[in-house]
Protein backbone atom coordinates (compact mmCIF):
# COMPACT_ATOMS: atom_id res chain seq x y z
CA MET A 1 0.00 0.00 0.00
CA HIS A 2 1.05 3.61 -0.59
CA ASP A 3 -0.65 6.96 -0.08
CA ASP A 4 -2.91 8.78 -2.55
CA ASN A 5 -0.01 10.99 -3.63
CA GLY A 6 1.93 8.05 -5.00
CA ARG A 7 4.41 7.96 -2.12
CA MET A 8 5.54 5.18 0.19
CA ARG A 9 7.62 5.03 3.33
CA VAL A 10 10.53 2.71 4.13
CA THR A 11 12.86 2.55 7.12
CA LEU A 12 16.51 3.22 6.31
CA PHE A 13 19.50 2.10 8.36
CA ALA A 14 23.17 2.78 7.66
CA PHE A 15 26.01 1.00 9.42
CA GLY A 16 29.69 1.60 10.04
CA VAL A 17 31.35 4.30 7.96
CA LEU A 18 28.20 4.75 5.84
CA ARG A 19 26.42 6.25 8.83
CA ASP A 20 29.06 8.99 8.85
CA HIS A 21 28.36 9.71 5.16
CA VAL A 22 24.57 9.40 5.05
CA GLY A 23 23.82 11.09 8.35
CA ALA A 24 20.40 10.68 9.92
CA THR A 25 18.52 7.48 9.11
CA GLY A 26 15.01 6.30 9.91
CA ALA A 27 11.77 6.83 8.03
CA LEU A 28 12.28 7.78 4.39
CA ASP A 29 9.53 8.79 1.94
CA LEU A 30 10.01 7.65 -1.67
CA PRO A 31 7.94 7.66 -4.85
CA ALA A 32 5.88 4.48 -5.13
CA GLY A 33 7.69 1.92 -7.25
CA SER A 34 11.18 3.09 -6.27
CA THR A 35 13.95 0.53 -6.54
CA VAL A 36 17.04 -0.14 -4.46
CA GLY A 37 19.01 1.70 -7.14
CA ASP A 38 16.79 4.78 -6.75
CA LEU A 39 17.33 4.77 -2.99
CA LEU A 40 21.10 4.42 -3.44
CA ALA A 41 21.12 7.46 -5.74
CA ILE A 42 19.37 9.51 -3.05
CA CYS A 43 21.83 8.39 -0.39
CA ARG A 44 24.86 9.11 -2.57
CA LYS A 45 23.66 12.70 -2.93
CA ARG A 46 23.78 13.03 0.87
CA SER A 47 27.36 11.78 0.95
CA PRO A 48 30.17 14.36 0.66
CA GLU A 49 32.29 12.11 -1.58
CA ASN A 50 33.98 8.69 -1.59
CA GLY A 51 32.61 7.12 -4.75
CA GLY A 52 34.91 4.15 -4.25
CA LEU A 53 33.16 3.30 -1.00
CA TRP A 54 29.71 3.48 -2.61
CA ASN A 55 30.80 1.12 -5.37
CA SER A 56 31.50 -1.58 -2.77
CA VAL A 57 28.31 -1.18 -0.72
CA ALA A 58 25.75 -3.96 -0.29
CA VAL A 59 22.07 -3.38 0.45
CA ALA A 60 19.74 -5.57 2.49
CA VAL A 61 15.97 -5.35 2.22
CA ASN A 62 14.22 -6.97 5.16
CA GLU A 63 17.48 -8.70 6.16
CA GLU A 64 18.13 -10.24 2.72
CA TYR A 65 20.79 -9.03 0.27
CA ALA A 66 19.06 -7.16 -2.55
CA SER A 67 19.68 -6.26 -6.19
CA GLN A 68 19.74 -2.77 -7.63
CA ALA A 69 16.57 -3.52 -9.59
CA GLN A 70 14.53 -4.79 -6.63
CA VAL A 71 11.35 -2.77 -6.24
CA LEU A 72 10.73 -1.49 -2.71
CA ALA A 73 7.40 -1.71 -0.92
CA GLU A 74 5.66 0.23 1.84
CA GLY A 75 7.16 -0.68 5.23
CA ASP A 76 10.36 -2.28 3.90
CA GLU A 77 13.45 -2.12 6.13
CA VAL A 78 16.47 -1.14 4.03
CA ALA A 79 20.02 -1.38 5.36
CA LEU A 80 23.13 0.13 3.75
CA LEU A 81 26.08 -2.16 4.45
CA PRO A 82 29.72 -1.15 3.94
CA PRO A 83 32.27 -3.95 3.39
CA VAL A 84 32.28 -6.02 6.55
CA SER A 85 35.26 -6.20 8.88
CA GLY A 86 34.40 -9.25 10.91
CA GLY A 87 31.26 -8.88 12.68
CA ALA A 88 22.91 -8.40 22.10
CA GLY A 89 21.86 -11.62 22.83
CA ARG A 90 22.50 -15.28 22.46
CA THR A 91 20.81 -17.94 20.40
CA LYS A 92 21.30 -21.56 19.47
CA ALA A 93 20.68 -23.03 16.07
CA ALA A 94 19.03 -26.35 15.43
CA GLY A 95 21.09 -29.30 16.59
CA GLY A 96 22.56 -27.45 19.56
CA ARG A 97 25.11 -25.37 17.67
CA ALA A 98 26.04 -22.16 19.48
CA ILE A 99 25.45 -19.25 17.11
CA ALA A 100 25.75 -16.01 19.03
CA LEU A 101 26.50 -12.32 19.22
CA VAL A 102 27.64 -11.41 22.72
CA GLU A 103 28.83 -8.38 24.62
CA GLU A 104 30.70 -10.32 27.29
CA ARG A 105 34.09 -12.04 27.01
CA ILE A 106 34.11 -15.19 24.88
CA ASP A 107 35.32 -18.30 26.70
CA VAL A 108 36.98 -20.09 23.79
CA ALA A 109 38.01 -23.16 25.79
CA ALA A 110 34.47 -23.65 27.07
CA LEU A 111 33.08 -23.26 23.55
CA ALA A 112 35.39 -25.98 22.22
CA GLU A 113 34.67 -28.25 25.19
CA SER A 114 30.92 -27.91 24.65
CA LEU A 115 31.25 -29.36 21.15
CA LYS A 116 33.17 -32.52 21.99
CA ARG A 117 31.47 -35.91 21.64
CA GLY A 118 32.75 -39.48 21.78
CA GLU A 119 32.63 -39.91 18.03
CA ASP A 120 34.86 -36.87 17.37
CA GLY A 121 38.49 -37.24 16.42
CA ALA A 122 39.19 -33.51 16.24
CA VAL A 123 37.90 -30.12 17.33
CA VAL A 124 39.50 -27.25 15.41
CA VAL A 125 39.20 -23.75 16.87
CA PHE A 126 39.77 -20.33 15.33
CA ASP A 127 40.35 -17.67 18.00
CA GLY A 128 40.43 -14.18 16.50
CA ILE A 129 42.06 -11.73 18.92
CA VAL A 130 42.55 -7.97 19.08
CA ARG A 131 46.15 -7.03 18.26
CA ASN A 132 47.92 -3.89 19.42
CA ASN A 133 48.65 -2.39 15.99
CA SER A 134 47.06 -1.77 12.61
CA ARG A 135 48.74 -0.41 9.46
CA GLY A 136 51.70 0.91 11.43
CA ARG A 137 49.63 2.64 14.14
CA LYS A 138 49.30 1.59 17.76
CA THR A 139 45.79 0.35 18.51
CA GLN A 140 44.21 1.31 21.84
CA TYR A 141 41.00 -0.71 21.52
CA LEU A 142 38.33 -1.78 19.01
CA PHE A 143 34.59 -1.34 18.83
CA TYR A 144 32.38 -3.81 16.93
CA GLU A 145 28.82 -3.23 15.79
CA ALA A 146 26.45 -5.41 13.78
CA TYR A 147 23.15 -5.43 11.98
CA GLU A 148 22.29 -7.95 14.65
CA THR A 149 19.21 -9.75 13.37
CA MET A 150 20.66 -10.15 9.90
CA ALA A 151 24.10 -11.12 11.23
CA LEU A 152 22.63 -13.93 13.34
CA LYS A 153 20.61 -15.16 10.37
CA GLN A 154 23.72 -15.17 8.16
CA MET A 155 25.77 -16.96 10.84
CA ARG A 156 23.12 -19.68 11.16
CA GLN A 157 23.10 -20.11 7.39
CA LEU A 158 26.90 -20.42 7.31
CA ALA A 159 26.85 -23.11 10.00
CA ALA A 160 24.13 -25.03 8.17
CA LYS A 161 26.01 -24.82 4.86
CA ALA A 162 29.24 -26.00 6.51
CA LEU A 163 27.43 -29.08 7.77
CA ARG A 164 26.05 -29.76 4.30
CA ASP A 165 29.29 -29.19 2.40
CA PHE A 166 31.92 -30.67 4.75
CA PRO A 167 31.99 -34.06 6.53
CA ILE A 168 31.80 -32.50 10.00
CA ARG A 169 29.48 -33.22 12.92
CA ASP A 170 28.99 -29.78 14.48
CA ALA A 171 30.07 -26.13 14.35
CA ALA A 172 29.80 -23.09 16.62
CA LEU A 173 30.25 -19.38 15.81
CA VAL A 174 30.37 -16.61 18.41
CA HIS A 175 31.20 -12.94 17.70
CA ARG A 176 31.77 -10.22 20.25
CA LEU A 177 30.19 -6.76 19.98
CA GLY A 178 30.97 -3.50 21.75
CA ARG A 179 34.35 -2.40 23.09
CA LEU A 180 37.21 -4.91 23.02
CA GLU A 181 40.62 -4.48 24.63
CA ILE A 182 43.96 -5.69 23.29
CA GLY A 183 44.27 -9.48 23.56
CA GLU A 184 40.53 -10.15 23.86
CA THR A 185 38.73 -12.55 21.53
CA SER A 186 36.59 -10.89 18.88
CA VAL A 187 35.36 -14.04 17.14
CA ALA A 188 35.56 -17.75 17.95
CA ILE A 189 34.71 -20.63 15.64
CA ALA A 190 34.86 -24.28 16.65
CA VAL A 191 34.30 -27.28 14.37
CA ALA A 192 33.99 -30.92 15.48
CA SER A 193 34.59 -33.84 13.14
CA ALA A 194 35.70 -37.44 13.08
CA HIS A 195 38.79 -36.42 11.08
CA ARG A 196 41.03 -33.38 11.37
CA ALA A 197 41.21 -32.50 7.66
CA ALA A 198 37.48 -31.84 7.40
CA ALA A 199 37.50 -29.81 10.62
CA PHE A 200 40.40 -27.64 9.39
CA ASP A 201 38.79 -27.08 5.99
CA ALA A 202 35.39 -26.17 7.41
CA CYS A 203 36.84 -23.85 10.04
CA ARG A 204 38.88 -21.97 7.43
CA TRP A 205 35.85 -21.66 5.14
CA LEU A 206 33.65 -20.40 7.98
CA ILE A 207 35.95 -17.59 9.12
CA ASP A 208 36.81 -16.50 5.56
CA THR A 209 33.14 -16.42 4.52
CA LEU A 210 32.00 -14.73 7.73
CA LYS A 211 34.48 -11.91 7.12
CA GLN A 212 33.16 -11.47 3.57
CA SER A 213 29.42 -11.60 4.09
CA VAL A 214 28.17 -11.24 7.67
CA PRO A 215 27.21 -7.61 8.51
CA ILE A 216 29.61 -6.87 11.37
CA TRP A 217 31.94 -3.85 11.38
CA LYS A 218 34.81 -2.68 13.56
CA LYS A 219 36.07 0.77 14.47
CA GLU A 220 39.74 1.08 15.39
CA PHE A 221 40.77 3.59 18.05
CA PHE A 222 44.29 5.04 18.04
CA GLU A 223 46.04 7.72 20.10
CA ASP A 224 45.43 10.25 17.34
CA GLY A 225 41.90 9.34 16.25
CA ALA A 226 39.59 6.56 15.15
CA VAL A 227 38.55 5.01 11.81
CA TRP A 228 36.13 2.38 10.62
CA ALA A 229 38.17 -0.53 9.31
CA GLN A 230 37.97 -0.83 5.53
CA GLY A 231 37.11 -4.45 4.84
CA ASP A 232 37.40 -6.36 1.59
CA SER A 233 34.68 -5.69 -0.96
CA PHE A 234 31.56 -7.84 -0.84
CA PRO A 235 31.47 -10.75 -3.29
CA ALA A 236 29.87 -9.48 -6.49
CA ALA A 237 26.80 -11.69 -5.98
CA LEU A 238 25.93 -9.78 -2.79
CA THR A 239 26.16 -6.26 -4.23
CA PRO A 240 23.16 -4.46 -5.77
CA ARG A 241 24.76 -4.49 -9.25
CA GLY A 242 25.76 -8.14 -9.13
CA ARG A 243 22.72 -9.64 -7.43
CA LYS A 244 19.80 -10.90 -9.48
CA ALA A 245 16.44 -9.25 -8.83
CA GLU A 246 13.79 -11.20 -6.96
CA PRO A 247 10.54 -11.48 -8.92
CA VAL A 248 7.87 -9.23 -7.45
CA LYS A 249 5.42 -12.12 -7.10
CA ALA A 250 7.84 -13.85 -4.68
CA ARG A 251 7.42 -11.13 -2.07
CA ARG A 252 5.13 -11.86 0.86
CA ARG A 253 3.95 -10.23 4.05
CA SER A 254 5.80 -11.44 7.16
CA GLY A 255 6.14 -9.89 10.58
CA GLY A 256 4.27 -6.75 9.60
CA ARG A 257 6.29 -5.87 6.48
CA GLU A 258 7.01 -7.15 3.00
CA ARG A 259 9.81 -9.70 2.77
CA ALA A 260 11.42 -11.59 -0.09
CA ARG A 261 10.97 -15.33 -0.06
């Protein structure tokens, strides 16, 4: 639905460095029938510069990556996502896997111990920690933020795909948010398997893919200022230009707003 003047309203969020460029976010009125590409053009006009950044942005509509051609609907939630640099509450996925975003310290040993079963021959753990330097500057601390609901959904999907694609028994992913001090764990991944090769392969795939696609960002604080970390560009398939448009008929009402199937 849209109003009699041919307008509609969406909710806009911007994360990480994009929030500094776009400014205020929230309710945004658009002409009915506007696409993701139309919204991006409006946001770019708000930005002082940095065309290179905008070329690497991804867009999520109702927590799903969207194409430039996707038509927006009344009540949609649109998120502008800069390249991720991973990225409160805790949740567990089906099968008992710990999939969580937390604000407290991550107990990596306890996470690994919780996965072990009699049939396992290996548990491989990735423990990502905060180092004291970045690009030649001394780091004081980091701050992580996430598009939390979407990040958890993406983390669950990664764990499920790892279980489908690798001969492993279980996997756990936990990422810390908020302020982190030097030496603290920012992300922990544990994979249990009968054989070590599969556990190593799955663990490597999980952390590499999480850093490419899960909407979590970090801000680095130095003695002389702070910057949002510039992550690698999103895979082309996740960007508005590279993603295929969802057919309009596939959209459905869920949770009070239009969502893509």
